Protein backbone atom coordinates (compact mmCIF):
# COMPACT_ATOMS: atom_id res chain seq x y z
CA MET A 1 -164.25 -118.21 -51.19
CA ALA A 2 -162.66 -114.86 -52.02
CA LYS A 3 -162.51 -112.18 -49.40
CA THR A 4 -163.55 -108.66 -50.34
CA ASN A 5 -159.93 -107.53 -50.78
CA ASP A 6 -159.22 -110.61 -52.93
CA THR A 7 -162.02 -109.55 -55.28
CA GLY A 8 -160.41 -106.12 -55.66
CA PHE A 9 -157.05 -107.75 -56.32
CA PHE A 10 -158.58 -110.08 -58.92
CA GLU A 11 -160.11 -107.08 -60.71
CA LYS A 12 -156.69 -105.38 -60.83
CA VAL A 13 -155.20 -108.59 -62.25
CA TYR A 14 -157.94 -108.70 -64.89
CA GLN A 15 -157.27 -105.08 -65.86
CA VAL A 16 -153.62 -105.95 -66.55
CA ALA A 17 -154.34 -109.30 -68.23
CA SER A 18 -156.90 -107.72 -70.56
CA GLN A 19 -154.12 -105.52 -71.99
CA ILE A 20 -151.72 -108.32 -72.99
CA PRO A 21 -151.37 -107.94 -76.75
CA TYR A 22 -152.24 -110.65 -79.25
CA GLY A 23 -149.23 -112.90 -79.82
CA ARG A 24 -147.58 -111.99 -76.50
CA VAL A 25 -147.50 -113.61 -73.06
CA THR A 26 -146.66 -112.56 -69.54
CA SER A 27 -146.13 -114.36 -66.25
CA TYR A 28 -148.06 -114.53 -63.02
CA GLY A 29 -145.09 -112.96 -61.27
CA ALA A 30 -144.80 -110.08 -63.75
CA ILE A 31 -148.43 -109.14 -63.11
CA ALA A 32 -147.93 -109.44 -59.34
CA LYS A 33 -144.83 -107.25 -59.50
CA TYR A 34 -146.62 -104.65 -61.62
CA LEU A 35 -149.41 -104.51 -59.02
CA GLY A 36 -146.85 -103.86 -56.28
CA THR A 37 -147.28 -107.29 -54.67
CA PRO A 38 -144.30 -109.27 -55.99
CA LYS A 39 -144.92 -112.24 -53.69
CA SER A 40 -148.49 -112.79 -54.87
CA ALA A 41 -147.86 -114.67 -58.14
CA ARG A 42 -149.90 -117.63 -56.85
CA MET A 43 -152.84 -115.31 -56.17
CA VAL A 44 -152.56 -114.04 -59.76
CA GLY A 45 -152.87 -117.68 -60.80
CA TRP A 46 -156.02 -118.03 -58.70
CA ALA A 47 -157.42 -114.93 -60.40
CA MET A 48 -156.68 -116.42 -63.82
CA ASN A 49 -158.38 -119.65 -62.79
CA ALA A 50 -161.46 -117.67 -61.72
CA SER A 51 -161.56 -115.62 -64.94
CA HIS A 52 -162.92 -118.19 -67.37
CA ASN A 53 -166.32 -116.53 -67.64
CA ASN A 54 -164.77 -113.14 -68.39
CA PRO A 55 -164.22 -112.79 -72.18
CA ASP A 56 -162.04 -109.68 -71.69
CA VAL A 57 -159.36 -111.64 -69.84
CA SER A 58 -156.99 -113.62 -72.04
CA ALA A 59 -155.94 -116.08 -69.33
CA HIS A 60 -154.18 -118.25 -71.93
CA ARG A 61 -151.56 -115.49 -72.28
CA VAL A 62 -150.46 -115.80 -68.64
CA VAL A 63 -147.88 -118.51 -67.94
CA ASN A 64 -145.24 -119.25 -65.34
CA ARG A 65 -141.90 -117.44 -65.14
CA ILE A 66 -140.11 -119.81 -67.53
CA GLY A 67 -142.88 -120.03 -70.10
CA LEU A 68 -144.54 -123.25 -69.00
CA LEU A 69 -148.27 -123.60 -69.51
CA SER A 70 -148.75 -124.34 -65.82
CA GLY A 71 -152.43 -123.33 -65.89
CA LYS A 72 -153.38 -125.48 -68.86
CA HIS A 73 -155.41 -127.95 -66.78
CA HIS A 74 -157.86 -125.13 -65.98
CA PHE A 75 -158.90 -124.88 -69.65
CA GLU A 76 -161.56 -127.09 -71.20
CA GLY A 77 -160.17 -129.70 -73.53
CA THR A 78 -156.76 -131.30 -73.42
CA ASN A 79 -154.72 -128.68 -75.29
CA LEU A 80 -156.96 -125.61 -75.48
CA MET A 81 -154.43 -123.24 -73.89
CA GLN A 82 -151.74 -124.42 -76.30
CA GLN A 83 -154.10 -124.18 -79.27
CA LEU A 84 -155.08 -120.60 -78.37
CA LEU A 85 -151.42 -119.59 -78.14
CA GLU A 86 -150.51 -121.36 -81.37
CA ASN A 87 -153.39 -119.56 -83.11
CA GLU A 88 -151.58 -116.35 -82.16
CA GLY A 89 -148.29 -117.55 -83.68
CA ILE A 90 -146.64 -118.74 -80.46
CA GLU A 91 -144.89 -122.09 -80.74
CA VAL A 92 -145.40 -124.46 -77.83
CA VAL A 93 -143.42 -127.69 -77.43
CA GLU A 94 -144.12 -130.03 -74.49
CA ASN A 95 -146.08 -127.30 -72.66
CA GLN A 96 -143.17 -124.86 -73.01
CA ILE A 97 -143.34 -121.61 -75.01
CA GLN A 98 -140.49 -121.50 -77.48
CA ASN A 99 -138.52 -118.23 -77.71
CA PHE A 100 -140.24 -117.12 -74.50
CA GLU A 101 -138.20 -113.90 -74.25
CA LYS A 102 -139.34 -112.86 -77.73
CA HIS A 103 -143.01 -113.21 -76.80
CA PHE A 104 -142.73 -111.93 -73.23
CA TRP A 105 -144.74 -108.80 -72.44
CA ASP A 106 -143.69 -107.00 -69.26
CA PRO A 107 -146.43 -104.79 -67.81
CA GLN A 108 -143.76 -102.85 -65.87
CA LYS A 109 -142.34 -101.63 -69.19
CA GLU A 110 -145.46 -101.61 -71.35
CA LEU A 111 -148.07 -99.97 -69.10
C-alpha cells in the first residue's frame, strides 16, 4: 500500500511519463534522476506498474537503462508492450529495443 508521499511521487512520475513523445522511450532511472531522486528507479517502476488505469501515462515507453522491456509482464497479453512500441516504429528483438540511443528521450534535456 502506498504511503501518502509515495502517491505524490507517483503523480510526479506520471507527469513526466505523460510527456514522452510518440516513437520515443525513456528509462526508469532517467525519470528518477529528473525528479531529483536518482536512486529511486525501482519506485518509478512501481509507479508504472500502478498506472495501467491511467490513459495519460504511456507506461510502455518506459524501459530499463539498456532498453530491455523489463516491465512487459505487467501488460495484458504476451507481447502487448512490444506491440505498442512496434506500432510507434520502434523495433524490438528478444525484448530489447534496437537502436535504443536513437529512440531514447531524456527528460533532463527535453523538459
